[in-house]
Amino acid sequence: MDAPGRGRAEHIDPADQWVLNPNTGEYELRLTPSAPRRTVPQPRGGRTAPPTAPGRDVPPPRRRTPAPDPEEPLPGRRGRRPAKKKSGAKKALLWTGGTMAFVLVATAGAGYFYLKHLEGNVRTTDVGDAGASNFRKDEAFNILVVGTDKRTGEGNEGYGDKGSAGHADTTILLHVSKDRTNATALSIPRDLIVDIPECTATKDDGSKVTVAALQGVRFNRSLGEGGRDAGCTMRTVKEATGIAPDHFMMADFNAVKTLTSAVDGVEVCVTKAVNDKESKLVLPKGESTVEGEQALAFLRTRHSFGNQGDLDRIKVQQQFLGSLMRKMSSGDTLTSPRKLLKLAEAATEALTVDSALGDVNTLKDVALELKKVPPKNITFTTIPVRDNPAEKIKATVVVDEATAPQVFDMIKNDISFTEVKAQKKKEAAAVAARLKGTKADASEVRVRVFNGGAASGSAQQQLDWLQNSAGVTKSENAGNADADQAKTTLEYAPDQADQARRLADIMGLSGSAMKPGESVANAQGLPTMTLILGEDFKGAGVPLDAASAKTPDVPKSTADEVQCAS
């Protein structure tokens, strides 16, 4: 049978071909590329013989037999999956900002070996206990996205500081809510004055080095200088904001150039023509498409936008990111296998991630979780800051203590900056019902108060307020809870519902904070509710209803908004 027609006879499996392996001297059954090879055992005497078939060098193609149950694959080869209609590729999601970019791409039909090839592109850094040990798909998560100013890569030698160790030039803390209804991208100014804690960094040869702490310095020094790695930057973010990053993704100048080219450019808009001698950006007034070197120039430009400072450049970077996300969600990108494969290569080559994200399948999982968040509920904002009062010539900024704490608390407590439907209607109705009904008198409410993540002393402070100001005299301090939790909860038995509703009314507890369950015995042996003060506890007497939290008055935008840089 000639080559084009080989294996096409009725009931013949064209994948089953016996061939001689010159490396082992044995005949092997060559299956499909994804299946393992079957080796014919040698007979005694050391001579390798092909399977018995009179007058032939190799056995004839096998006749097909009825397929076994999919859960019981043939010995020595993979079980075959039911045939599926192939799509060009799964949807991909790409994020980028400033002089950095991060892309999470999920492709279908690429195969195991291609995924391993992509995995080989990704560089990893062991950040120890600065981050999470694995990625949790069922929890909220924080990814620190870092863009360095390291001038590595072809064509980057002429940008600014040629000898940069790779500082944290652009940094975004991305928080994705547990229910995937919303996300917040919090920009961290590189000139923000912070304390950088002592950290352990990993050198190129794998050895560890302890890097000393620094007090009152620019945030961008948390990376690169003294050998500080991304783990040091993650620790600095936690120190400055109280928000613990779970993972990090880092990229350099080349990432912007390769990733924007992979999607055939990103649409940007300027309110006036730009001819910037510093960044070499030249754009006409209105809309343009930028990619490669021009995209990098757009993101590096400061002197043509706003007051020529870094804070205004951050706004431009956020506008760029929103445009890029809209481009990625368009049909032209999502239905193009060519673009998706280019993105897969560009993204993995551009990324350095923590060890927990180093597996391509994990990166795919992150991408699929991000894809669930509607663009209209992805908020871009910046840490609220004010000019550094210690400087006569203003060059750095400090955290604005008047507004920043609420921004940090909203992220820590998984509260959206946009209005979202946090639950399905049926679930929401059940939660709302917990607040409806009769309420017991405050003097009849029995509750034990635990501290489960609030500030030290909170349980006693809340107890004092309940007894002296709210009339809940049958309350007691139960000490620390077994484990910390993000949100305050109240557990009660069915016959305590009227007491629970009264306490919820007093404390401003939402229906979702009320947990029908079991009662416990108090010091007198009477059935009592359990109140656990979580990390969202703001202080004695302060209402806790997250649904009524007022969004702080800070500049912000969402991914679905079209804006022009000015």
Protein backbone atom coordinates (compact mmCIF):
# COMPACT_ATOMS: atom_id res chain seq x y z
CA MET A 1 0.00 0.00 0.00
CA ASP A 2 1.41 3.43 -0.93
CA ALA A 3 2.11 6.05 1.69
CA PRO A 4 -0.98 8.21 1.18
CA GLY A 5 -3.26 5.21 1.49
CA ARG A 6 -1.38 3.32 4.17
CA GLY A 7 -3.62 2.13 6.96
CA ARG A 8 -6.86 3.20 5.34
CA ALA A 9 -8.18 -0.28 4.68
CA GLU A 10 -11.29 -1.10 6.60
CA HIS A 11 -10.75 -1.73 10.34
CA ILE A 12 -7.00 -0.89 10.12
CA ASP A 13 -5.49 1.38 12.74
CA PRO A 14 -3.00 3.63 10.84
CA ALA A 15 -1.24 4.57 14.10
CA ASP A 16 -0.08 1.01 14.89
CA GLN A 17 3.21 0.60 13.03
CA TRP A 18 6.10 -1.67 14.09
CA VAL A 19 9.49 -0.05 13.56
CA LEU A 20 13.07 -0.88 14.47
CA ASN A 21 14.60 1.42 17.09
CA PRO A 22 18.28 1.83 16.07
CA ASN A 23 19.21 2.88 19.62
CA THR A 24 17.94 -0.27 21.34
CA GLY A 25 17.95 -2.77 18.49
CA GLU A 26 14.38 -3.69 19.36
CA TYR A 27 11.15 -3.49 17.41
CA GLU A 28 8.66 -1.06 18.86
CA LEU A 29 5.00 -0.35 18.22
CA ARG A 30 4.78 3.33 17.26
CA LEU A 31 1.43 4.72 18.37
CA THR A 32 0.01 8.20 18.24
CA PRO A 33 2.40 10.97 19.38
CA SER A 34 0.66 11.21 22.74
CA ALA A 35 0.78 7.48 23.45
CA PRO A 36 3.73 5.51 24.90
CA ARG A 37 5.62 3.02 22.73
CA ARG A 38 5.30 -0.71 23.20
CA THR A 39 8.60 -2.58 23.19
CA VAL A 40 8.83 -6.19 22.00
CA PRO A 41 10.81 -8.23 24.56
CA GLN A 42 14.00 -9.94 23.45
CA PRO A 43 14.05 -13.73 23.28
CA ARG A 44 16.72 -15.61 25.13
CA GLY A 45 20.12 -15.48 23.50
CA GLY A 46 20.12 -11.71 23.24
CA ARG A 47 18.74 -11.51 19.70
CA THR A 48 15.93 -9.14 19.04
CA ALA A 49 13.15 -10.56 16.93
CA PRO A 50 10.10 -8.90 15.46
CA PRO A 51 6.66 -10.27 16.21
CA THR A 52 5.87 -13.50 14.42
CA ALA A 53 4.50 -12.96 10.91
CA PRO A 54 5.44 -15.41 8.16
CA GLY A 55 7.17 -13.82 5.20
CA ARG A 56 7.19 -10.30 6.68
CA ASP A 57 9.77 -8.17 8.43
CA VAL A 58 7.15 -6.56 10.62
CA PRO A 59 3.69 -7.65 11.62
CA PRO A 60 0.72 -6.44 9.59
CA PRO A 61 -1.43 -3.64 10.94
CA ARG A 62 -3.76 -4.88 13.64
CA ARG A 63 -7.46 -5.14 13.05
CA ARG A 64 -9.56 -2.86 15.21
CA THR A 65 -11.44 -4.46 18.05
CA PRO A 66 -14.34 -2.99 19.97
CA ALA A 67 -13.07 -0.23 22.25
CA PRO A 68 -12.94 -1.13 25.94
CA ASP A 69 -14.57 0.95 28.63
CA PRO A 70 -12.82 4.36 28.77
CA GLU A 71 -11.96 3.73 32.41
CA GLU A 72 -10.09 0.56 31.51
CA PRO A 73 -7.41 1.51 28.94
CA LEU A 74 -5.46 -1.13 27.05
CA PRO A 75 -2.30 -2.22 28.90
CA GLY A 76 0.75 -0.30 27.79
CA ARG A 77 -1.08 2.57 26.13
CA ARG A 78 -3.25 5.48 27.18
CA GLY A 79 -6.96 5.18 27.32
CA ARG A 80 -8.55 7.09 24.45
CA ARG A 81 -10.90 9.93 25.23
CA PRO A 82 -14.18 10.27 23.39
CA ALA A 83 -13.77 12.41 20.31
CA LYS A 84 -14.51 16.08 20.84
CA LYS A 85 -15.06 18.88 18.43
CA LYS A 86 -11.79 20.81 18.46
CA SER A 87 -11.76 24.54 18.93
CA GLY A 88 -8.82 26.63 17.77
CA ALA A 89 -7.81 27.52 21.33
CA LYS A 90 -9.30 28.38 24.69
CA LYS A 91 -9.74 31.97 25.64
CA ALA A 92 -6.69 33.81 26.93
CA LEU A 93 -6.36 36.69 29.34
CA LEU A 94 -3.61 39.29 29.29
CA TRP A 95 -2.81 42.02 31.72
CA THR A 96 -0.03 44.56 31.50
CA GLY A 97 0.84 47.90 33.07
CA GLY A 98 3.73 50.37 32.87
CA THR A 99 7.09 48.93 31.99
CA MET A 100 5.85 45.49 32.88
CA ALA A 101 3.30 43.07 31.61
CA PHE A 102 1.94 39.79 32.70
CA VAL A 103 -0.01 37.37 30.57
CA LEU A 104 -1.85 34.28 31.57
CA VAL A 105 -2.74 32.17 28.56
CA ALA A 106 -4.80 29.00 28.41
CA THR A 107 -4.60 27.03 25.16
CA ALA A 108 -6.44 23.88 24.13
CA GLY A 109 -5.18 21.09 21.91
CA ALA A 110 -1.54 22.08 22.37
CA GLY A 111 -0.64 18.81 24.02
CA TYR A 112 1.50 17.76 26.92
CA PHE A 113 4.84 18.36 25.24
CA TYR A 114 3.94 21.87 24.14
CA LEU A 115 2.86 22.75 27.67
CA LYS A 116 6.19 21.44 28.93
CA HIS A 117 7.91 23.58 26.32
CA LEU A 118 6.06 26.64 27.62
CA GLU A 119 6.88 25.68 31.18
CA GLY A 120 10.55 25.66 30.24
CA ASN A 121 10.20 29.31 29.21
CA VAL A 122 9.07 30.44 32.65
CA ARG A 123 11.68 31.49 35.21
CA THR A 124 10.93 31.00 38.91
CA THR A 125 12.12 32.50 42.19
CA ASP A 126 11.79 30.82 45.57
CA VAL A 127 10.34 33.48 47.89
CA GLY A 128 9.99 31.18 50.89
CA ASP A 129 7.27 32.16 53.35
CA ALA A 130 6.85 35.59 51.74
CA GLY A 131 4.16 34.01 49.55
CA ALA A 132 1.69 31.11 49.49
CA SER A 133 2.92 27.56 48.96
CA ASN A 134 0.29 26.84 46.31
CA PHE A 135 -2.47 28.49 44.28
CA ARG A 136 -5.97 28.16 45.74
CA LYS A 137 -8.75 28.30 43.17
CA ASP A 138 -11.44 28.46 45.87
CA GLU A 139 -10.07 31.52 47.71
CA ALA A 140 -9.48 35.21 47.11
CA PHE A 141 -5.89 35.82 46.01
CA ASN A 142 -3.38 38.67 45.68
CA ILE A 143 -0.77 38.74 42.91
CA LEU A 144 2.00 41.31 43.03
CA VAL A 145 2.78 42.31 39.45
CA VAL A 146 6.23 43.89 39.18
CA GLY A 147 7.82 45.61 36.20
CA THR A 148 11.54 46.15 36.53
CA ASP A 149 13.70 48.85 34.94
CA LYS A 150 16.50 46.39 34.25
CA ARG A 151 17.94 47.13 30.79
CA THR A 152 18.34 43.53 29.67
CA GLY A 153 17.44 42.33 26.20
CA GLU A 154 18.14 43.52 22.69
CA GLY A 155 17.52 47.21 22.06
CA ASN A 156 17.10 48.18 25.72
CA GLU A 157 20.64 49.41 26.43
CA GLY A 158 19.82 53.00 25.60
CA TYR A 159 16.96 53.40 28.07
CA GLY A 160 17.79 55.57 31.09
CA ASP A 161 19.98 54.01 33.77
CA LYS A 162 22.04 51.40 31.93
CA GLY A 163 23.43 50.00 35.16
CA SER A 164 20.10 49.49 36.96
CA ALA A 165 19.97 46.39 39.14
CA GLY A 166 16.32 46.05 38.24
CA HIS A 167 14.29 48.14 40.65
CA ALA A 168 10.51 47.89 41.16
CA ASP A 169 9.79 50.53 38.53
CA THR A 170 6.07 49.75 38.20
CA THR A 171 4.14 47.68 40.72
CA ILE A 172 0.48 46.66 40.87
CA LEU A 173 -1.11 44.61 43.63
CA LEU A 174 -3.92 42.67 41.98
CA HIS A 175 -6.65 41.42 44.33
CA VAL A 176 -9.21 38.96 42.93
CA SER A 177 -12.31 38.39 45.05
CA LYS A 178 -13.22 34.97 46.39
CA ASP A 179 -16.49 34.88 44.43
CA ARG A 180 -14.74 36.20 41.26
CA THR A 181 -17.29 38.98 40.86
CA ASN A 182 -14.69 41.74 41.13
CA ALA A 183 -11.00 42.59 41.23
CA THR A 184 -8.91 45.58 42.32
CA ALA A 185 -5.60 46.60 40.73
CA LEU A 186 -3.81 48.82 43.25
CA SER A 187 -0.83 50.73 41.85
CA ILE A 188 2.08 51.36 44.22
CA PRO A 189 4.09 54.50 43.41
CA ARG A 190 7.80 53.79 42.99
CA ASP A 191 8.62 57.00 44.92
CA LEU A 192 6.50 56.05 47.94
CA ILE A 193 8.52 56.28 51.17
CA VAL A 194 8.41 52.94 53.01
CA ASP A 195 10.34 50.76 55.44
CA ILE A 196 11.94 47.77 53.71
CA PRO A 197 12.18 44.84 56.15
CA GLU A 198 15.15 42.50 56.43
CA CYS A 199 14.79 39.66 53.97
CA THR A 200 16.56 36.58 52.64
CA ALA A 201 17.31 36.60 48.92
CA THR A 202 18.49 33.81 46.64
CA LYS A 203 21.67 34.49 44.62
CA ASP A 204 22.24 33.28 41.06
CA ASP A 205 24.23 30.29 42.32
CA GLY A 206 21.34 29.23 44.57
CA SER A 207 22.89 30.32 47.84
CA LYS A 208 20.98 32.47 50.34
CA VAL A 209 21.97 35.92 51.53
CA THR A 210 20.44 38.10 54.26
CA VAL A 211 19.78 41.67 53.15
CA ALA A 212 19.56 44.34 55.84
CA ALA A 213 16.43 46.41 56.49
CA LEU A 214 16.12 50.00 55.30
CA GLN A 215 14.06 52.75 56.93
CA GLY A 216 12.33 55.59 55.12
CA VAL A 217 13.44 54.90 51.54
CA ARG A 218 11.78 54.76 48.11
CA PHE A 219 9.64 51.69 47.47
CA ASN A 220 11.47 50.88 44.23
CA ARG A 221 14.58 49.97 46.23
CA SER A 222 12.77 46.88 47.56
CA LEU A 223 13.90 45.04 44.42
CA GLY A 224 17.32 44.63 42.86
CA GLU A 225 19.45 46.70 45.19
CA GLY A 226 21.63 44.59 47.50
CA GLY A 227 20.39 41.42 45.82
CA ARG A 228 16.80 41.88 46.94
CA ASP A 229 14.45 39.63 45.01
CA ALA A 230 10.67 39.68 44.54
CA GLY A 231 10.21 38.07 47.95
CA CYS A 232 11.70 41.20 49.52
CA THR A 233 9.25 43.34 47.53
CA MET A 234 6.35 41.17 48.69
CA ARG A 235 7.41 41.64 52.32
CA THR A 236 7.69 45.39 51.78
CA VAL A 237 4.14 45.55 50.40
CA LYS A 238 2.80 43.69 53.43
CA GLU A 239 4.73 46.02 55.74
CA ALA A 240 3.38 49.14 54.01
CA THR A 241 -0.24 48.12 53.42
CA GLY A 242 -1.03 45.22 55.71
CA ILE A 243 -2.02 43.21 52.62
CA ALA A 244 -0.08 39.98 52.11
CA PRO A 245 0.66 39.10 48.46
CA ASP A 246 0.17 35.40 47.72
CA HIS A 247 2.19 35.30 44.51
CA PHE A 248 4.22 37.52 42.22
CA MET A 249 4.79 37.94 38.49
CA MET A 250 7.69 39.99 37.18
CA ALA A 251 8.71 41.14 33.71
CA ASP A 252 11.14 43.59 32.11
CA PHE A 253 11.04 45.99 29.14
CA ASN A 254 11.02 43.19 26.57
CA ALA A 255 7.71 41.93 27.93
CA VAL A 256 5.88 45.05 26.84
CA LYS A 257 7.36 44.89 23.36
CA THR A 258 6.77 41.19 22.70
CA LEU A 259 3.32 40.99 24.25
CA THR A 260 1.86 44.02 22.51
CA SER A 261 3.20 42.72 19.19
CA ALA A 262 1.61 39.34 19.88
CA VAL A 263 -1.86 40.96 19.89
CA ASP A 264 -1.08 43.14 16.86
CA GLY A 265 -0.98 46.31 18.93
CA VAL A 266 -3.02 48.11 21.58
CA GLU A 267 -5.30 51.09 20.96
CA VAL A 268 -4.40 54.25 22.89
CA CYS A 269 -5.75 57.79 22.88
CA VAL A 270 -4.15 61.17 23.63
CA THR A 271 -5.88 64.52 23.95
CA LYS A 272 -3.04 66.34 22.15
CA ALA A 273 -0.22 65.41 19.79
CA VAL A 274 2.87 63.98 21.52
CA ASN A 275 6.51 64.40 20.48
CA ASP A 276 8.51 63.38 23.55
CA LYS A 277 12.30 63.69 23.18
CA GLU A 278 12.98 61.64 26.32
CA SER A 279 10.91 58.53 25.51
CA LYS A 280 10.97 59.03 21.71
CA LEU A 281 7.16 58.74 21.61
CA VAL A 282 5.53 60.43 18.61
CA LEU A 283 1.73 60.25 18.33
CA PRO A 284 -0.93 62.36 16.64
CA LYS A 285 -3.88 63.72 18.57
CA GLY A 286 -6.65 61.16 19.01
CA GLU A 287 -6.52 57.38 18.71
CA SER A 288 -3.53 55.30 17.63
CA THR A 289 -2.40 51.69 17.78
CA VAL A 290 0.97 51.05 19.43
CA GLU A 291 3.09 47.93 19.72
CA GLY A 292 6.68 46.93 20.35
CA GLU A 293 9.06 49.84 20.91
CA GLN A 294 6.27 52.39 20.51
CA ALA A 295 4.15 50.69 23.21
CA LEU A 296 7.11 50.75 25.58
CA ALA A 297 7.69 54.41 24.80
CA PHE A 298 4.04 55.18 25.55
CA LEU A 299 4.27 53.53 28.95
CA ARG A 300 7.60 55.16 29.83
CA THR A 301 6.51 58.69 28.88
CA ARG A 302 6.22 61.16 31.76
CA HIS A 303 7.07 64.59 30.38
CA SER A 304 4.12 64.76 27.98
CA PHE A 305 1.35 63.84 30.42
CA GLY A 306 -0.12 65.61 33.43
CA ASN A 307 2.38 67.37 35.66
CA GLN A 308 5.23 65.20 34.30
CA GLY A 309 5.37 63.15 37.50
CA ASP A 310 5.20 59.44 38.20
CA LEU A 311 1.65 59.61 39.61
CA ASP A 312 0.30 60.90 36.29
CA ARG A 313 2.27 58.26 34.44
CA ILE A 314 0.54 55.64 36.60
CA LYS A 315 -2.85 56.93 35.37
CA VAL A 316 -1.68 56.53 31.76
CA GLN A 317 -0.49 53.00 32.51
CA GLN A 318 -3.87 52.11 33.99
CA GLN A 319 -5.62 53.47 30.88
CA PHE A 320 -3.31 51.36 28.74
CA LEU A 321 -4.09 48.28 30.80
CA GLY A 322 -7.83 48.80 30.42
CA SER A 323 -7.44 49.14 26.65
CA LEU A 324 -5.33 46.00 26.50
CA MET A 325 -7.93 44.03 28.42
CA ARG A 326 -10.65 45.17 26.04
CA LYS A 327 -8.45 44.11 23.13
CA MET A 328 -7.93 40.69 24.68
CA SER A 329 -11.64 40.16 25.21
CA SER A 330 -12.45 40.99 21.60
CA GLY A 331 -13.38 38.28 19.14
CA ASP A 332 -10.37 39.03 16.92
CA THR A 333 -8.02 37.85 19.65
CA LEU A 334 -10.03 35.09 21.30
CA THR A 335 -10.80 33.31 18.04
CA SER A 336 -7.32 33.56 16.53
CA PRO A 337 -5.11 30.48 17.17
CA ARG A 338 -2.16 32.41 15.70
CA LYS A 339 -2.47 35.21 18.26
CA LEU A 340 -3.06 32.82 21.14
CA LEU A 341 0.04 30.77 20.34
CA LYS A 342 2.12 33.94 19.96
CA LEU A 343 0.80 35.08 23.32
CA ALA A 344 1.62 31.74 24.93
CA GLU A 345 5.24 31.98 23.77
CA ALA A 346 5.63 35.69 24.54
CA ALA A 347 3.97 35.47 27.95
CA THR A 348 5.94 32.54 29.27
CA GLU A 349 9.24 33.91 27.96
CA ALA A 350 8.51 37.27 29.60
CA LEU A 351 7.55 36.01 33.04
CA THR A 352 9.42 35.35 36.25
CA VAL A 353 7.08 33.96 38.90
CA ASP A 354 7.21 32.43 42.37
CA SER A 355 7.74 28.69 42.60
CA ALA A 356 4.07 28.02 43.36
CA LEU A 357 3.10 29.44 39.92
CA GLY A 358 5.97 27.89 37.97
CA ASP A 359 3.83 25.14 36.47
CA VAL A 360 2.10 26.08 33.21
CA ASN A 361 -1.08 24.30 34.28
CA THR A 362 -1.16 26.48 37.40
CA LEU A 363 -0.73 29.60 35.27
CA LYS A 364 -3.60 28.36 33.15
CA ASP A 365 -5.74 27.95 36.28
CA VAL A 366 -4.94 31.53 37.33
CA ALA A 367 -5.93 32.75 33.87
CA LEU A 368 -9.24 30.91 33.95
CA GLU A 369 -10.06 32.34 37.38
CA LEU A 370 -9.24 35.86 36.19
CA LYS A 371 -11.40 35.35 33.12
CA LYS A 372 -14.45 35.01 35.37
CA VAL A 373 -14.21 38.65 36.55
CA PRO A 374 -16.35 41.08 34.46
CA PRO A 375 -14.27 44.03 33.12
CA LYS A 376 -16.83 46.50 34.51
CA ASN A 377 -15.99 45.26 38.02
CA ILE A 378 -12.20 45.48 37.68
CA THR A 379 -11.15 48.67 39.46
CA PHE A 380 -7.84 50.47 38.91
CA THR A 381 -6.71 52.77 41.68
CA THR A 382 -3.54 53.97 43.39
CA ILE A 383 -2.45 54.02 47.02
CA PRO A 384 -3.66 57.39 48.36
CA VAL A 385 -0.57 59.53 48.97
CA ARG A 386 0.50 63.08 49.79
CA ASP A 387 3.75 64.97 49.32
CA ASN A 388 6.54 63.99 51.67
CA PRO A 389 6.48 66.72 54.37
CA ALA A 390 10.17 66.12 55.10
CA GLU A 391 11.20 67.50 51.69
CA LYS A 392 11.48 71.09 50.59
CA ILE A 393 11.76 70.06 46.95
CA LYS A 394 8.98 67.54 46.49
CA ALA A 395 10.29 64.33 44.95
CA THR A 396 8.72 61.56 47.02
CA VAL A 397 5.35 60.81 48.59
CA VAL A 398 4.03 59.20 51.78
CA VAL A 399 0.86 57.24 52.51
CA ASP A 400 -2.16 59.46 53.13
CA GLU A 401 -3.32 58.23 56.53
CA ALA A 402 -6.71 59.89 56.09
CA THR A 403 -7.89 57.68 53.20
CA ALA A 404 -5.37 54.89 52.60
CA PRO A 405 -6.39 52.69 55.58
CA GLN A 406 -9.91 52.26 54.22
CA VAL A 407 -8.56 51.32 50.80
CA PHE A 408 -6.30 48.72 52.40
CA ASP A 409 -9.13 47.41 54.61
CA MET A 410 -11.48 46.98 51.66
CA ILE A 411 -8.92 44.85 49.84
CA LYS A 412 -8.02 42.84 52.96
CA ASN A 413 -11.69 42.19 53.66
CA ASP A 414 -12.52 41.31 50.04
CA ILE A 415 -14.88 44.25 49.54
CA SER A 416 -15.45 45.46 45.98
CA PHE A 417 -14.89 49.05 44.84
CA THR A 418 -17.80 48.57 42.42
CA GLU A 419 -21.36 47.43 43.04
CA VAL A 420 -21.60 43.72 42.33
CA LYS A 421 -24.08 40.94 42.87
CA ALA A 422 -22.08 38.94 45.35
CA GLN A 423 -24.53 36.02 45.39
CA LYS A 424 -27.16 34.42 43.27
CA LYS A 425 -30.68 35.68 43.86
CA LYS A 426 -31.74 32.56 45.71
CA GLU A 427 -28.73 32.70 48.02
CA ALA A 428 -29.15 36.44 48.54
CA ALA A 429 -32.78 35.97 49.52
CA ALA A 430 -31.82 33.34 52.09
CA VAL A 431 -29.16 35.62 53.57
CA ALA A 432 -31.53 38.60 53.70
CA ALA A 433 -34.15 36.46 55.44
CA ARG A 434 -31.82 35.98 58.41
CA LEU A 435 -32.25 39.64 59.29
CA LYS A 436 -36.06 39.54 59.09
CA GLY A 437 -38.25 38.59 62.01
CA THR A 438 -38.68 39.41 65.65
CA LYS A 439 -35.75 40.65 67.72
CA ALA A 440 -35.12 39.83 71.34
CA ASP A 441 -34.45 42.54 73.89
CA ALA A 442 -30.76 43.38 74.20
CA SER A 443 -30.83 42.26 77.86
CA GLU A 444 -31.79 38.74 76.74
CA VAL A 445 -28.94 38.31 74.26
CA ARG A 446 -26.36 35.78 75.43
CA VAL A 447 -23.07 35.75 73.53
CA ARG A 448 -19.43 34.74 73.96
CA VAL A 449 -16.93 37.03 72.22
CA PHE A 450 -13.75 35.63 70.60
CA ASN A 451 -10.90 37.48 68.91
CA GLY A 452 -10.35 35.81 65.55
CA GLY A 453 -7.99 38.20 63.78
CA ALA A 454 -8.92 41.64 65.09
CA ALA A 455 -6.41 43.90 66.83
CA SER A 456 -5.13 42.77 70.20
CA GLY A 457 -7.60 43.57 72.98
CA SER A 458 -10.60 43.85 70.62
CA ALA A 459 -12.66 41.15 72.32
CA GLN A 460 -12.52 42.93 75.67
CA GLN A 461 -13.14 46.34 74.11
CA GLN A 462 -16.19 45.05 72.24
CA LEU A 463 -17.42 43.30 75.38
CA ASP A 464 -17.17 46.54 77.36
CA TRP A 465 -19.12 48.37 74.64
CA LEU A 466 -21.81 45.69 74.44
CA GLN A 467 -22.35 45.67 78.20
CA ASN A 468 -22.03 49.38 78.94
CA SER A 469 -23.40 51.02 75.78
CA ALA A 470 -25.62 48.46 74.02
CA GLY A 471 -27.32 46.76 76.97
CA VAL A 472 -26.02 43.27 76.11
CA THR A 473 -25.21 42.43 79.71
CA LYS A 474 -25.23 38.65 79.27
CA SER A 475 -21.99 38.63 77.29
CA GLU A 476 -18.52 37.35 78.15
CA ASN A 477 -14.94 37.41 76.84
CA ALA A 478 -13.94 33.98 75.54
CA GLY A 479 -10.36 34.90 74.55
CA ASN A 480 -8.76 34.05 71.21
CA ALA A 481 -10.42 31.88 68.56
CA ASP A 482 -8.74 28.71 67.32
CA ALA A 483 -7.81 30.43 64.05
CA ASP A 484 -7.93 33.88 62.48
CA GLN A 485 -10.59 34.69 59.88
CA ALA A 486 -11.11 37.53 57.45
CA LYS A 487 -14.65 38.45 58.47
CA THR A 488 -16.63 38.64 61.70
CA THR A 489 -19.22 35.88 62.19
CA LEU A 490 -22.06 35.13 64.59
CA GLU A 491 -23.07 31.48 65.04
CA TYR A 492 -26.40 30.68 66.68
CA ALA A 493 -28.87 27.83 67.16
CA PRO A 494 -32.33 27.95 65.52
CA ASP A 495 -34.05 28.90 68.79
CA GLN A 496 -31.62 31.84 69.18
CA ALA A 497 -32.56 33.53 65.89
CA ASP A 498 -34.33 36.42 67.64
CA GLN A 499 -31.22 37.04 69.77
CA ALA A 500 -29.00 36.86 66.66
CA ARG A 501 -31.14 39.41 64.84
CA ARG A 502 -30.92 41.80 67.79
CA LEU A 503 -27.12 41.50 68.01
CA ALA A 504 -26.81 41.87 64.23
CA ASP A 505 -28.88 45.04 64.45
CA ILE A 506 -26.69 46.39 67.27
CA MET A 507 -23.38 45.62 65.56
CA GLY A 508 -24.33 46.24 61.94
CA LEU A 509 -23.72 42.61 60.98
CA SER A 510 -24.80 41.61 57.49
CA GLY A 511 -26.89 38.54 56.82
CA SER A 512 -23.86 36.76 55.39
CA ALA A 513 -22.10 37.16 58.76
CA MET A 514 -24.89 35.26 60.51
CA LYS A 515 -24.20 31.50 60.59
CA PRO A 516 -27.04 29.20 61.66
CA GLY A 517 -25.48 26.37 63.62
CA GLU A 518 -25.22 25.28 67.24
CA SER A 519 -25.10 27.03 70.58
CA VAL A 520 -22.46 26.62 73.26
CA ALA A 521 -22.67 26.85 77.03
CA ASN A 522 -21.63 30.02 78.82
CA ALA A 523 -20.08 30.26 82.29
CA GLN A 524 -23.50 29.60 83.86
CA GLY A 525 -24.12 26.59 81.60
CA LEU A 526 -26.79 28.38 79.55
CA PRO A 527 -26.99 28.13 75.73
CA THR A 528 -25.05 30.99 74.20
CA MET A 529 -24.21 32.34 70.74
CA THR A 530 -20.62 32.60 69.44
CA LEU A 531 -19.31 35.91 68.10
CA ILE A 532 -15.86 35.81 66.44
CA LEU A 533 -14.31 39.18 65.62
CA GLY A 534 -12.48 38.84 62.30
CA GLU A 535 -9.88 40.97 60.56
CA ASP A 536 -12.68 43.26 59.31
CA PHE A 537 -13.47 44.40 62.87
CA LYS A 538 -12.94 48.18 62.92
CA GLY A 539 -13.31 48.83 66.65
CA ALA A 540 -15.83 48.70 69.47
CA GLY A 541 -19.19 50.06 68.36
CA VAL A 542 -18.22 50.53 64.70
CA PRO A 543 -20.85 48.99 62.33
CA LEU A 544 -19.56 45.97 60.44
CA ASP A 545 -22.04 45.71 57.57
CA ALA A 546 -19.72 45.40 54.54
CA ALA A 547 -22.66 45.87 52.18
CA SER A 548 -23.03 49.43 53.41
CA ALA A 549 -19.32 50.28 53.29
CA LYS A 550 -18.77 53.62 51.63
CA THR A 551 -16.11 53.61 48.92
CA PRO A 552 -13.34 56.05 49.85
CA ASP A 553 -13.05 59.19 47.78
CA VAL A 554 -10.03 58.18 45.67
CA PRO A 555 -9.40 58.42 41.89
CA LYS A 556 -10.36 55.17 40.22
CA SER A 557 -11.47 53.71 36.90
CA THR A 558 -12.70 50.38 35.57
CA ALA A 559 -11.48 48.15 32.76
CA ASP A 560 -14.50 48.80 30.55
CA GLU A 561 -13.94 52.60 30.42
CA VAL A 562 -12.37 54.17 27.32
CA GLN A 563 -10.11 57.07 28.35
CA CYS A 564 -7.59 59.38 26.71
CA ALA A 565 -4.25 60.36 28.22
CA SER A 566 -3.83 64.09 28.76
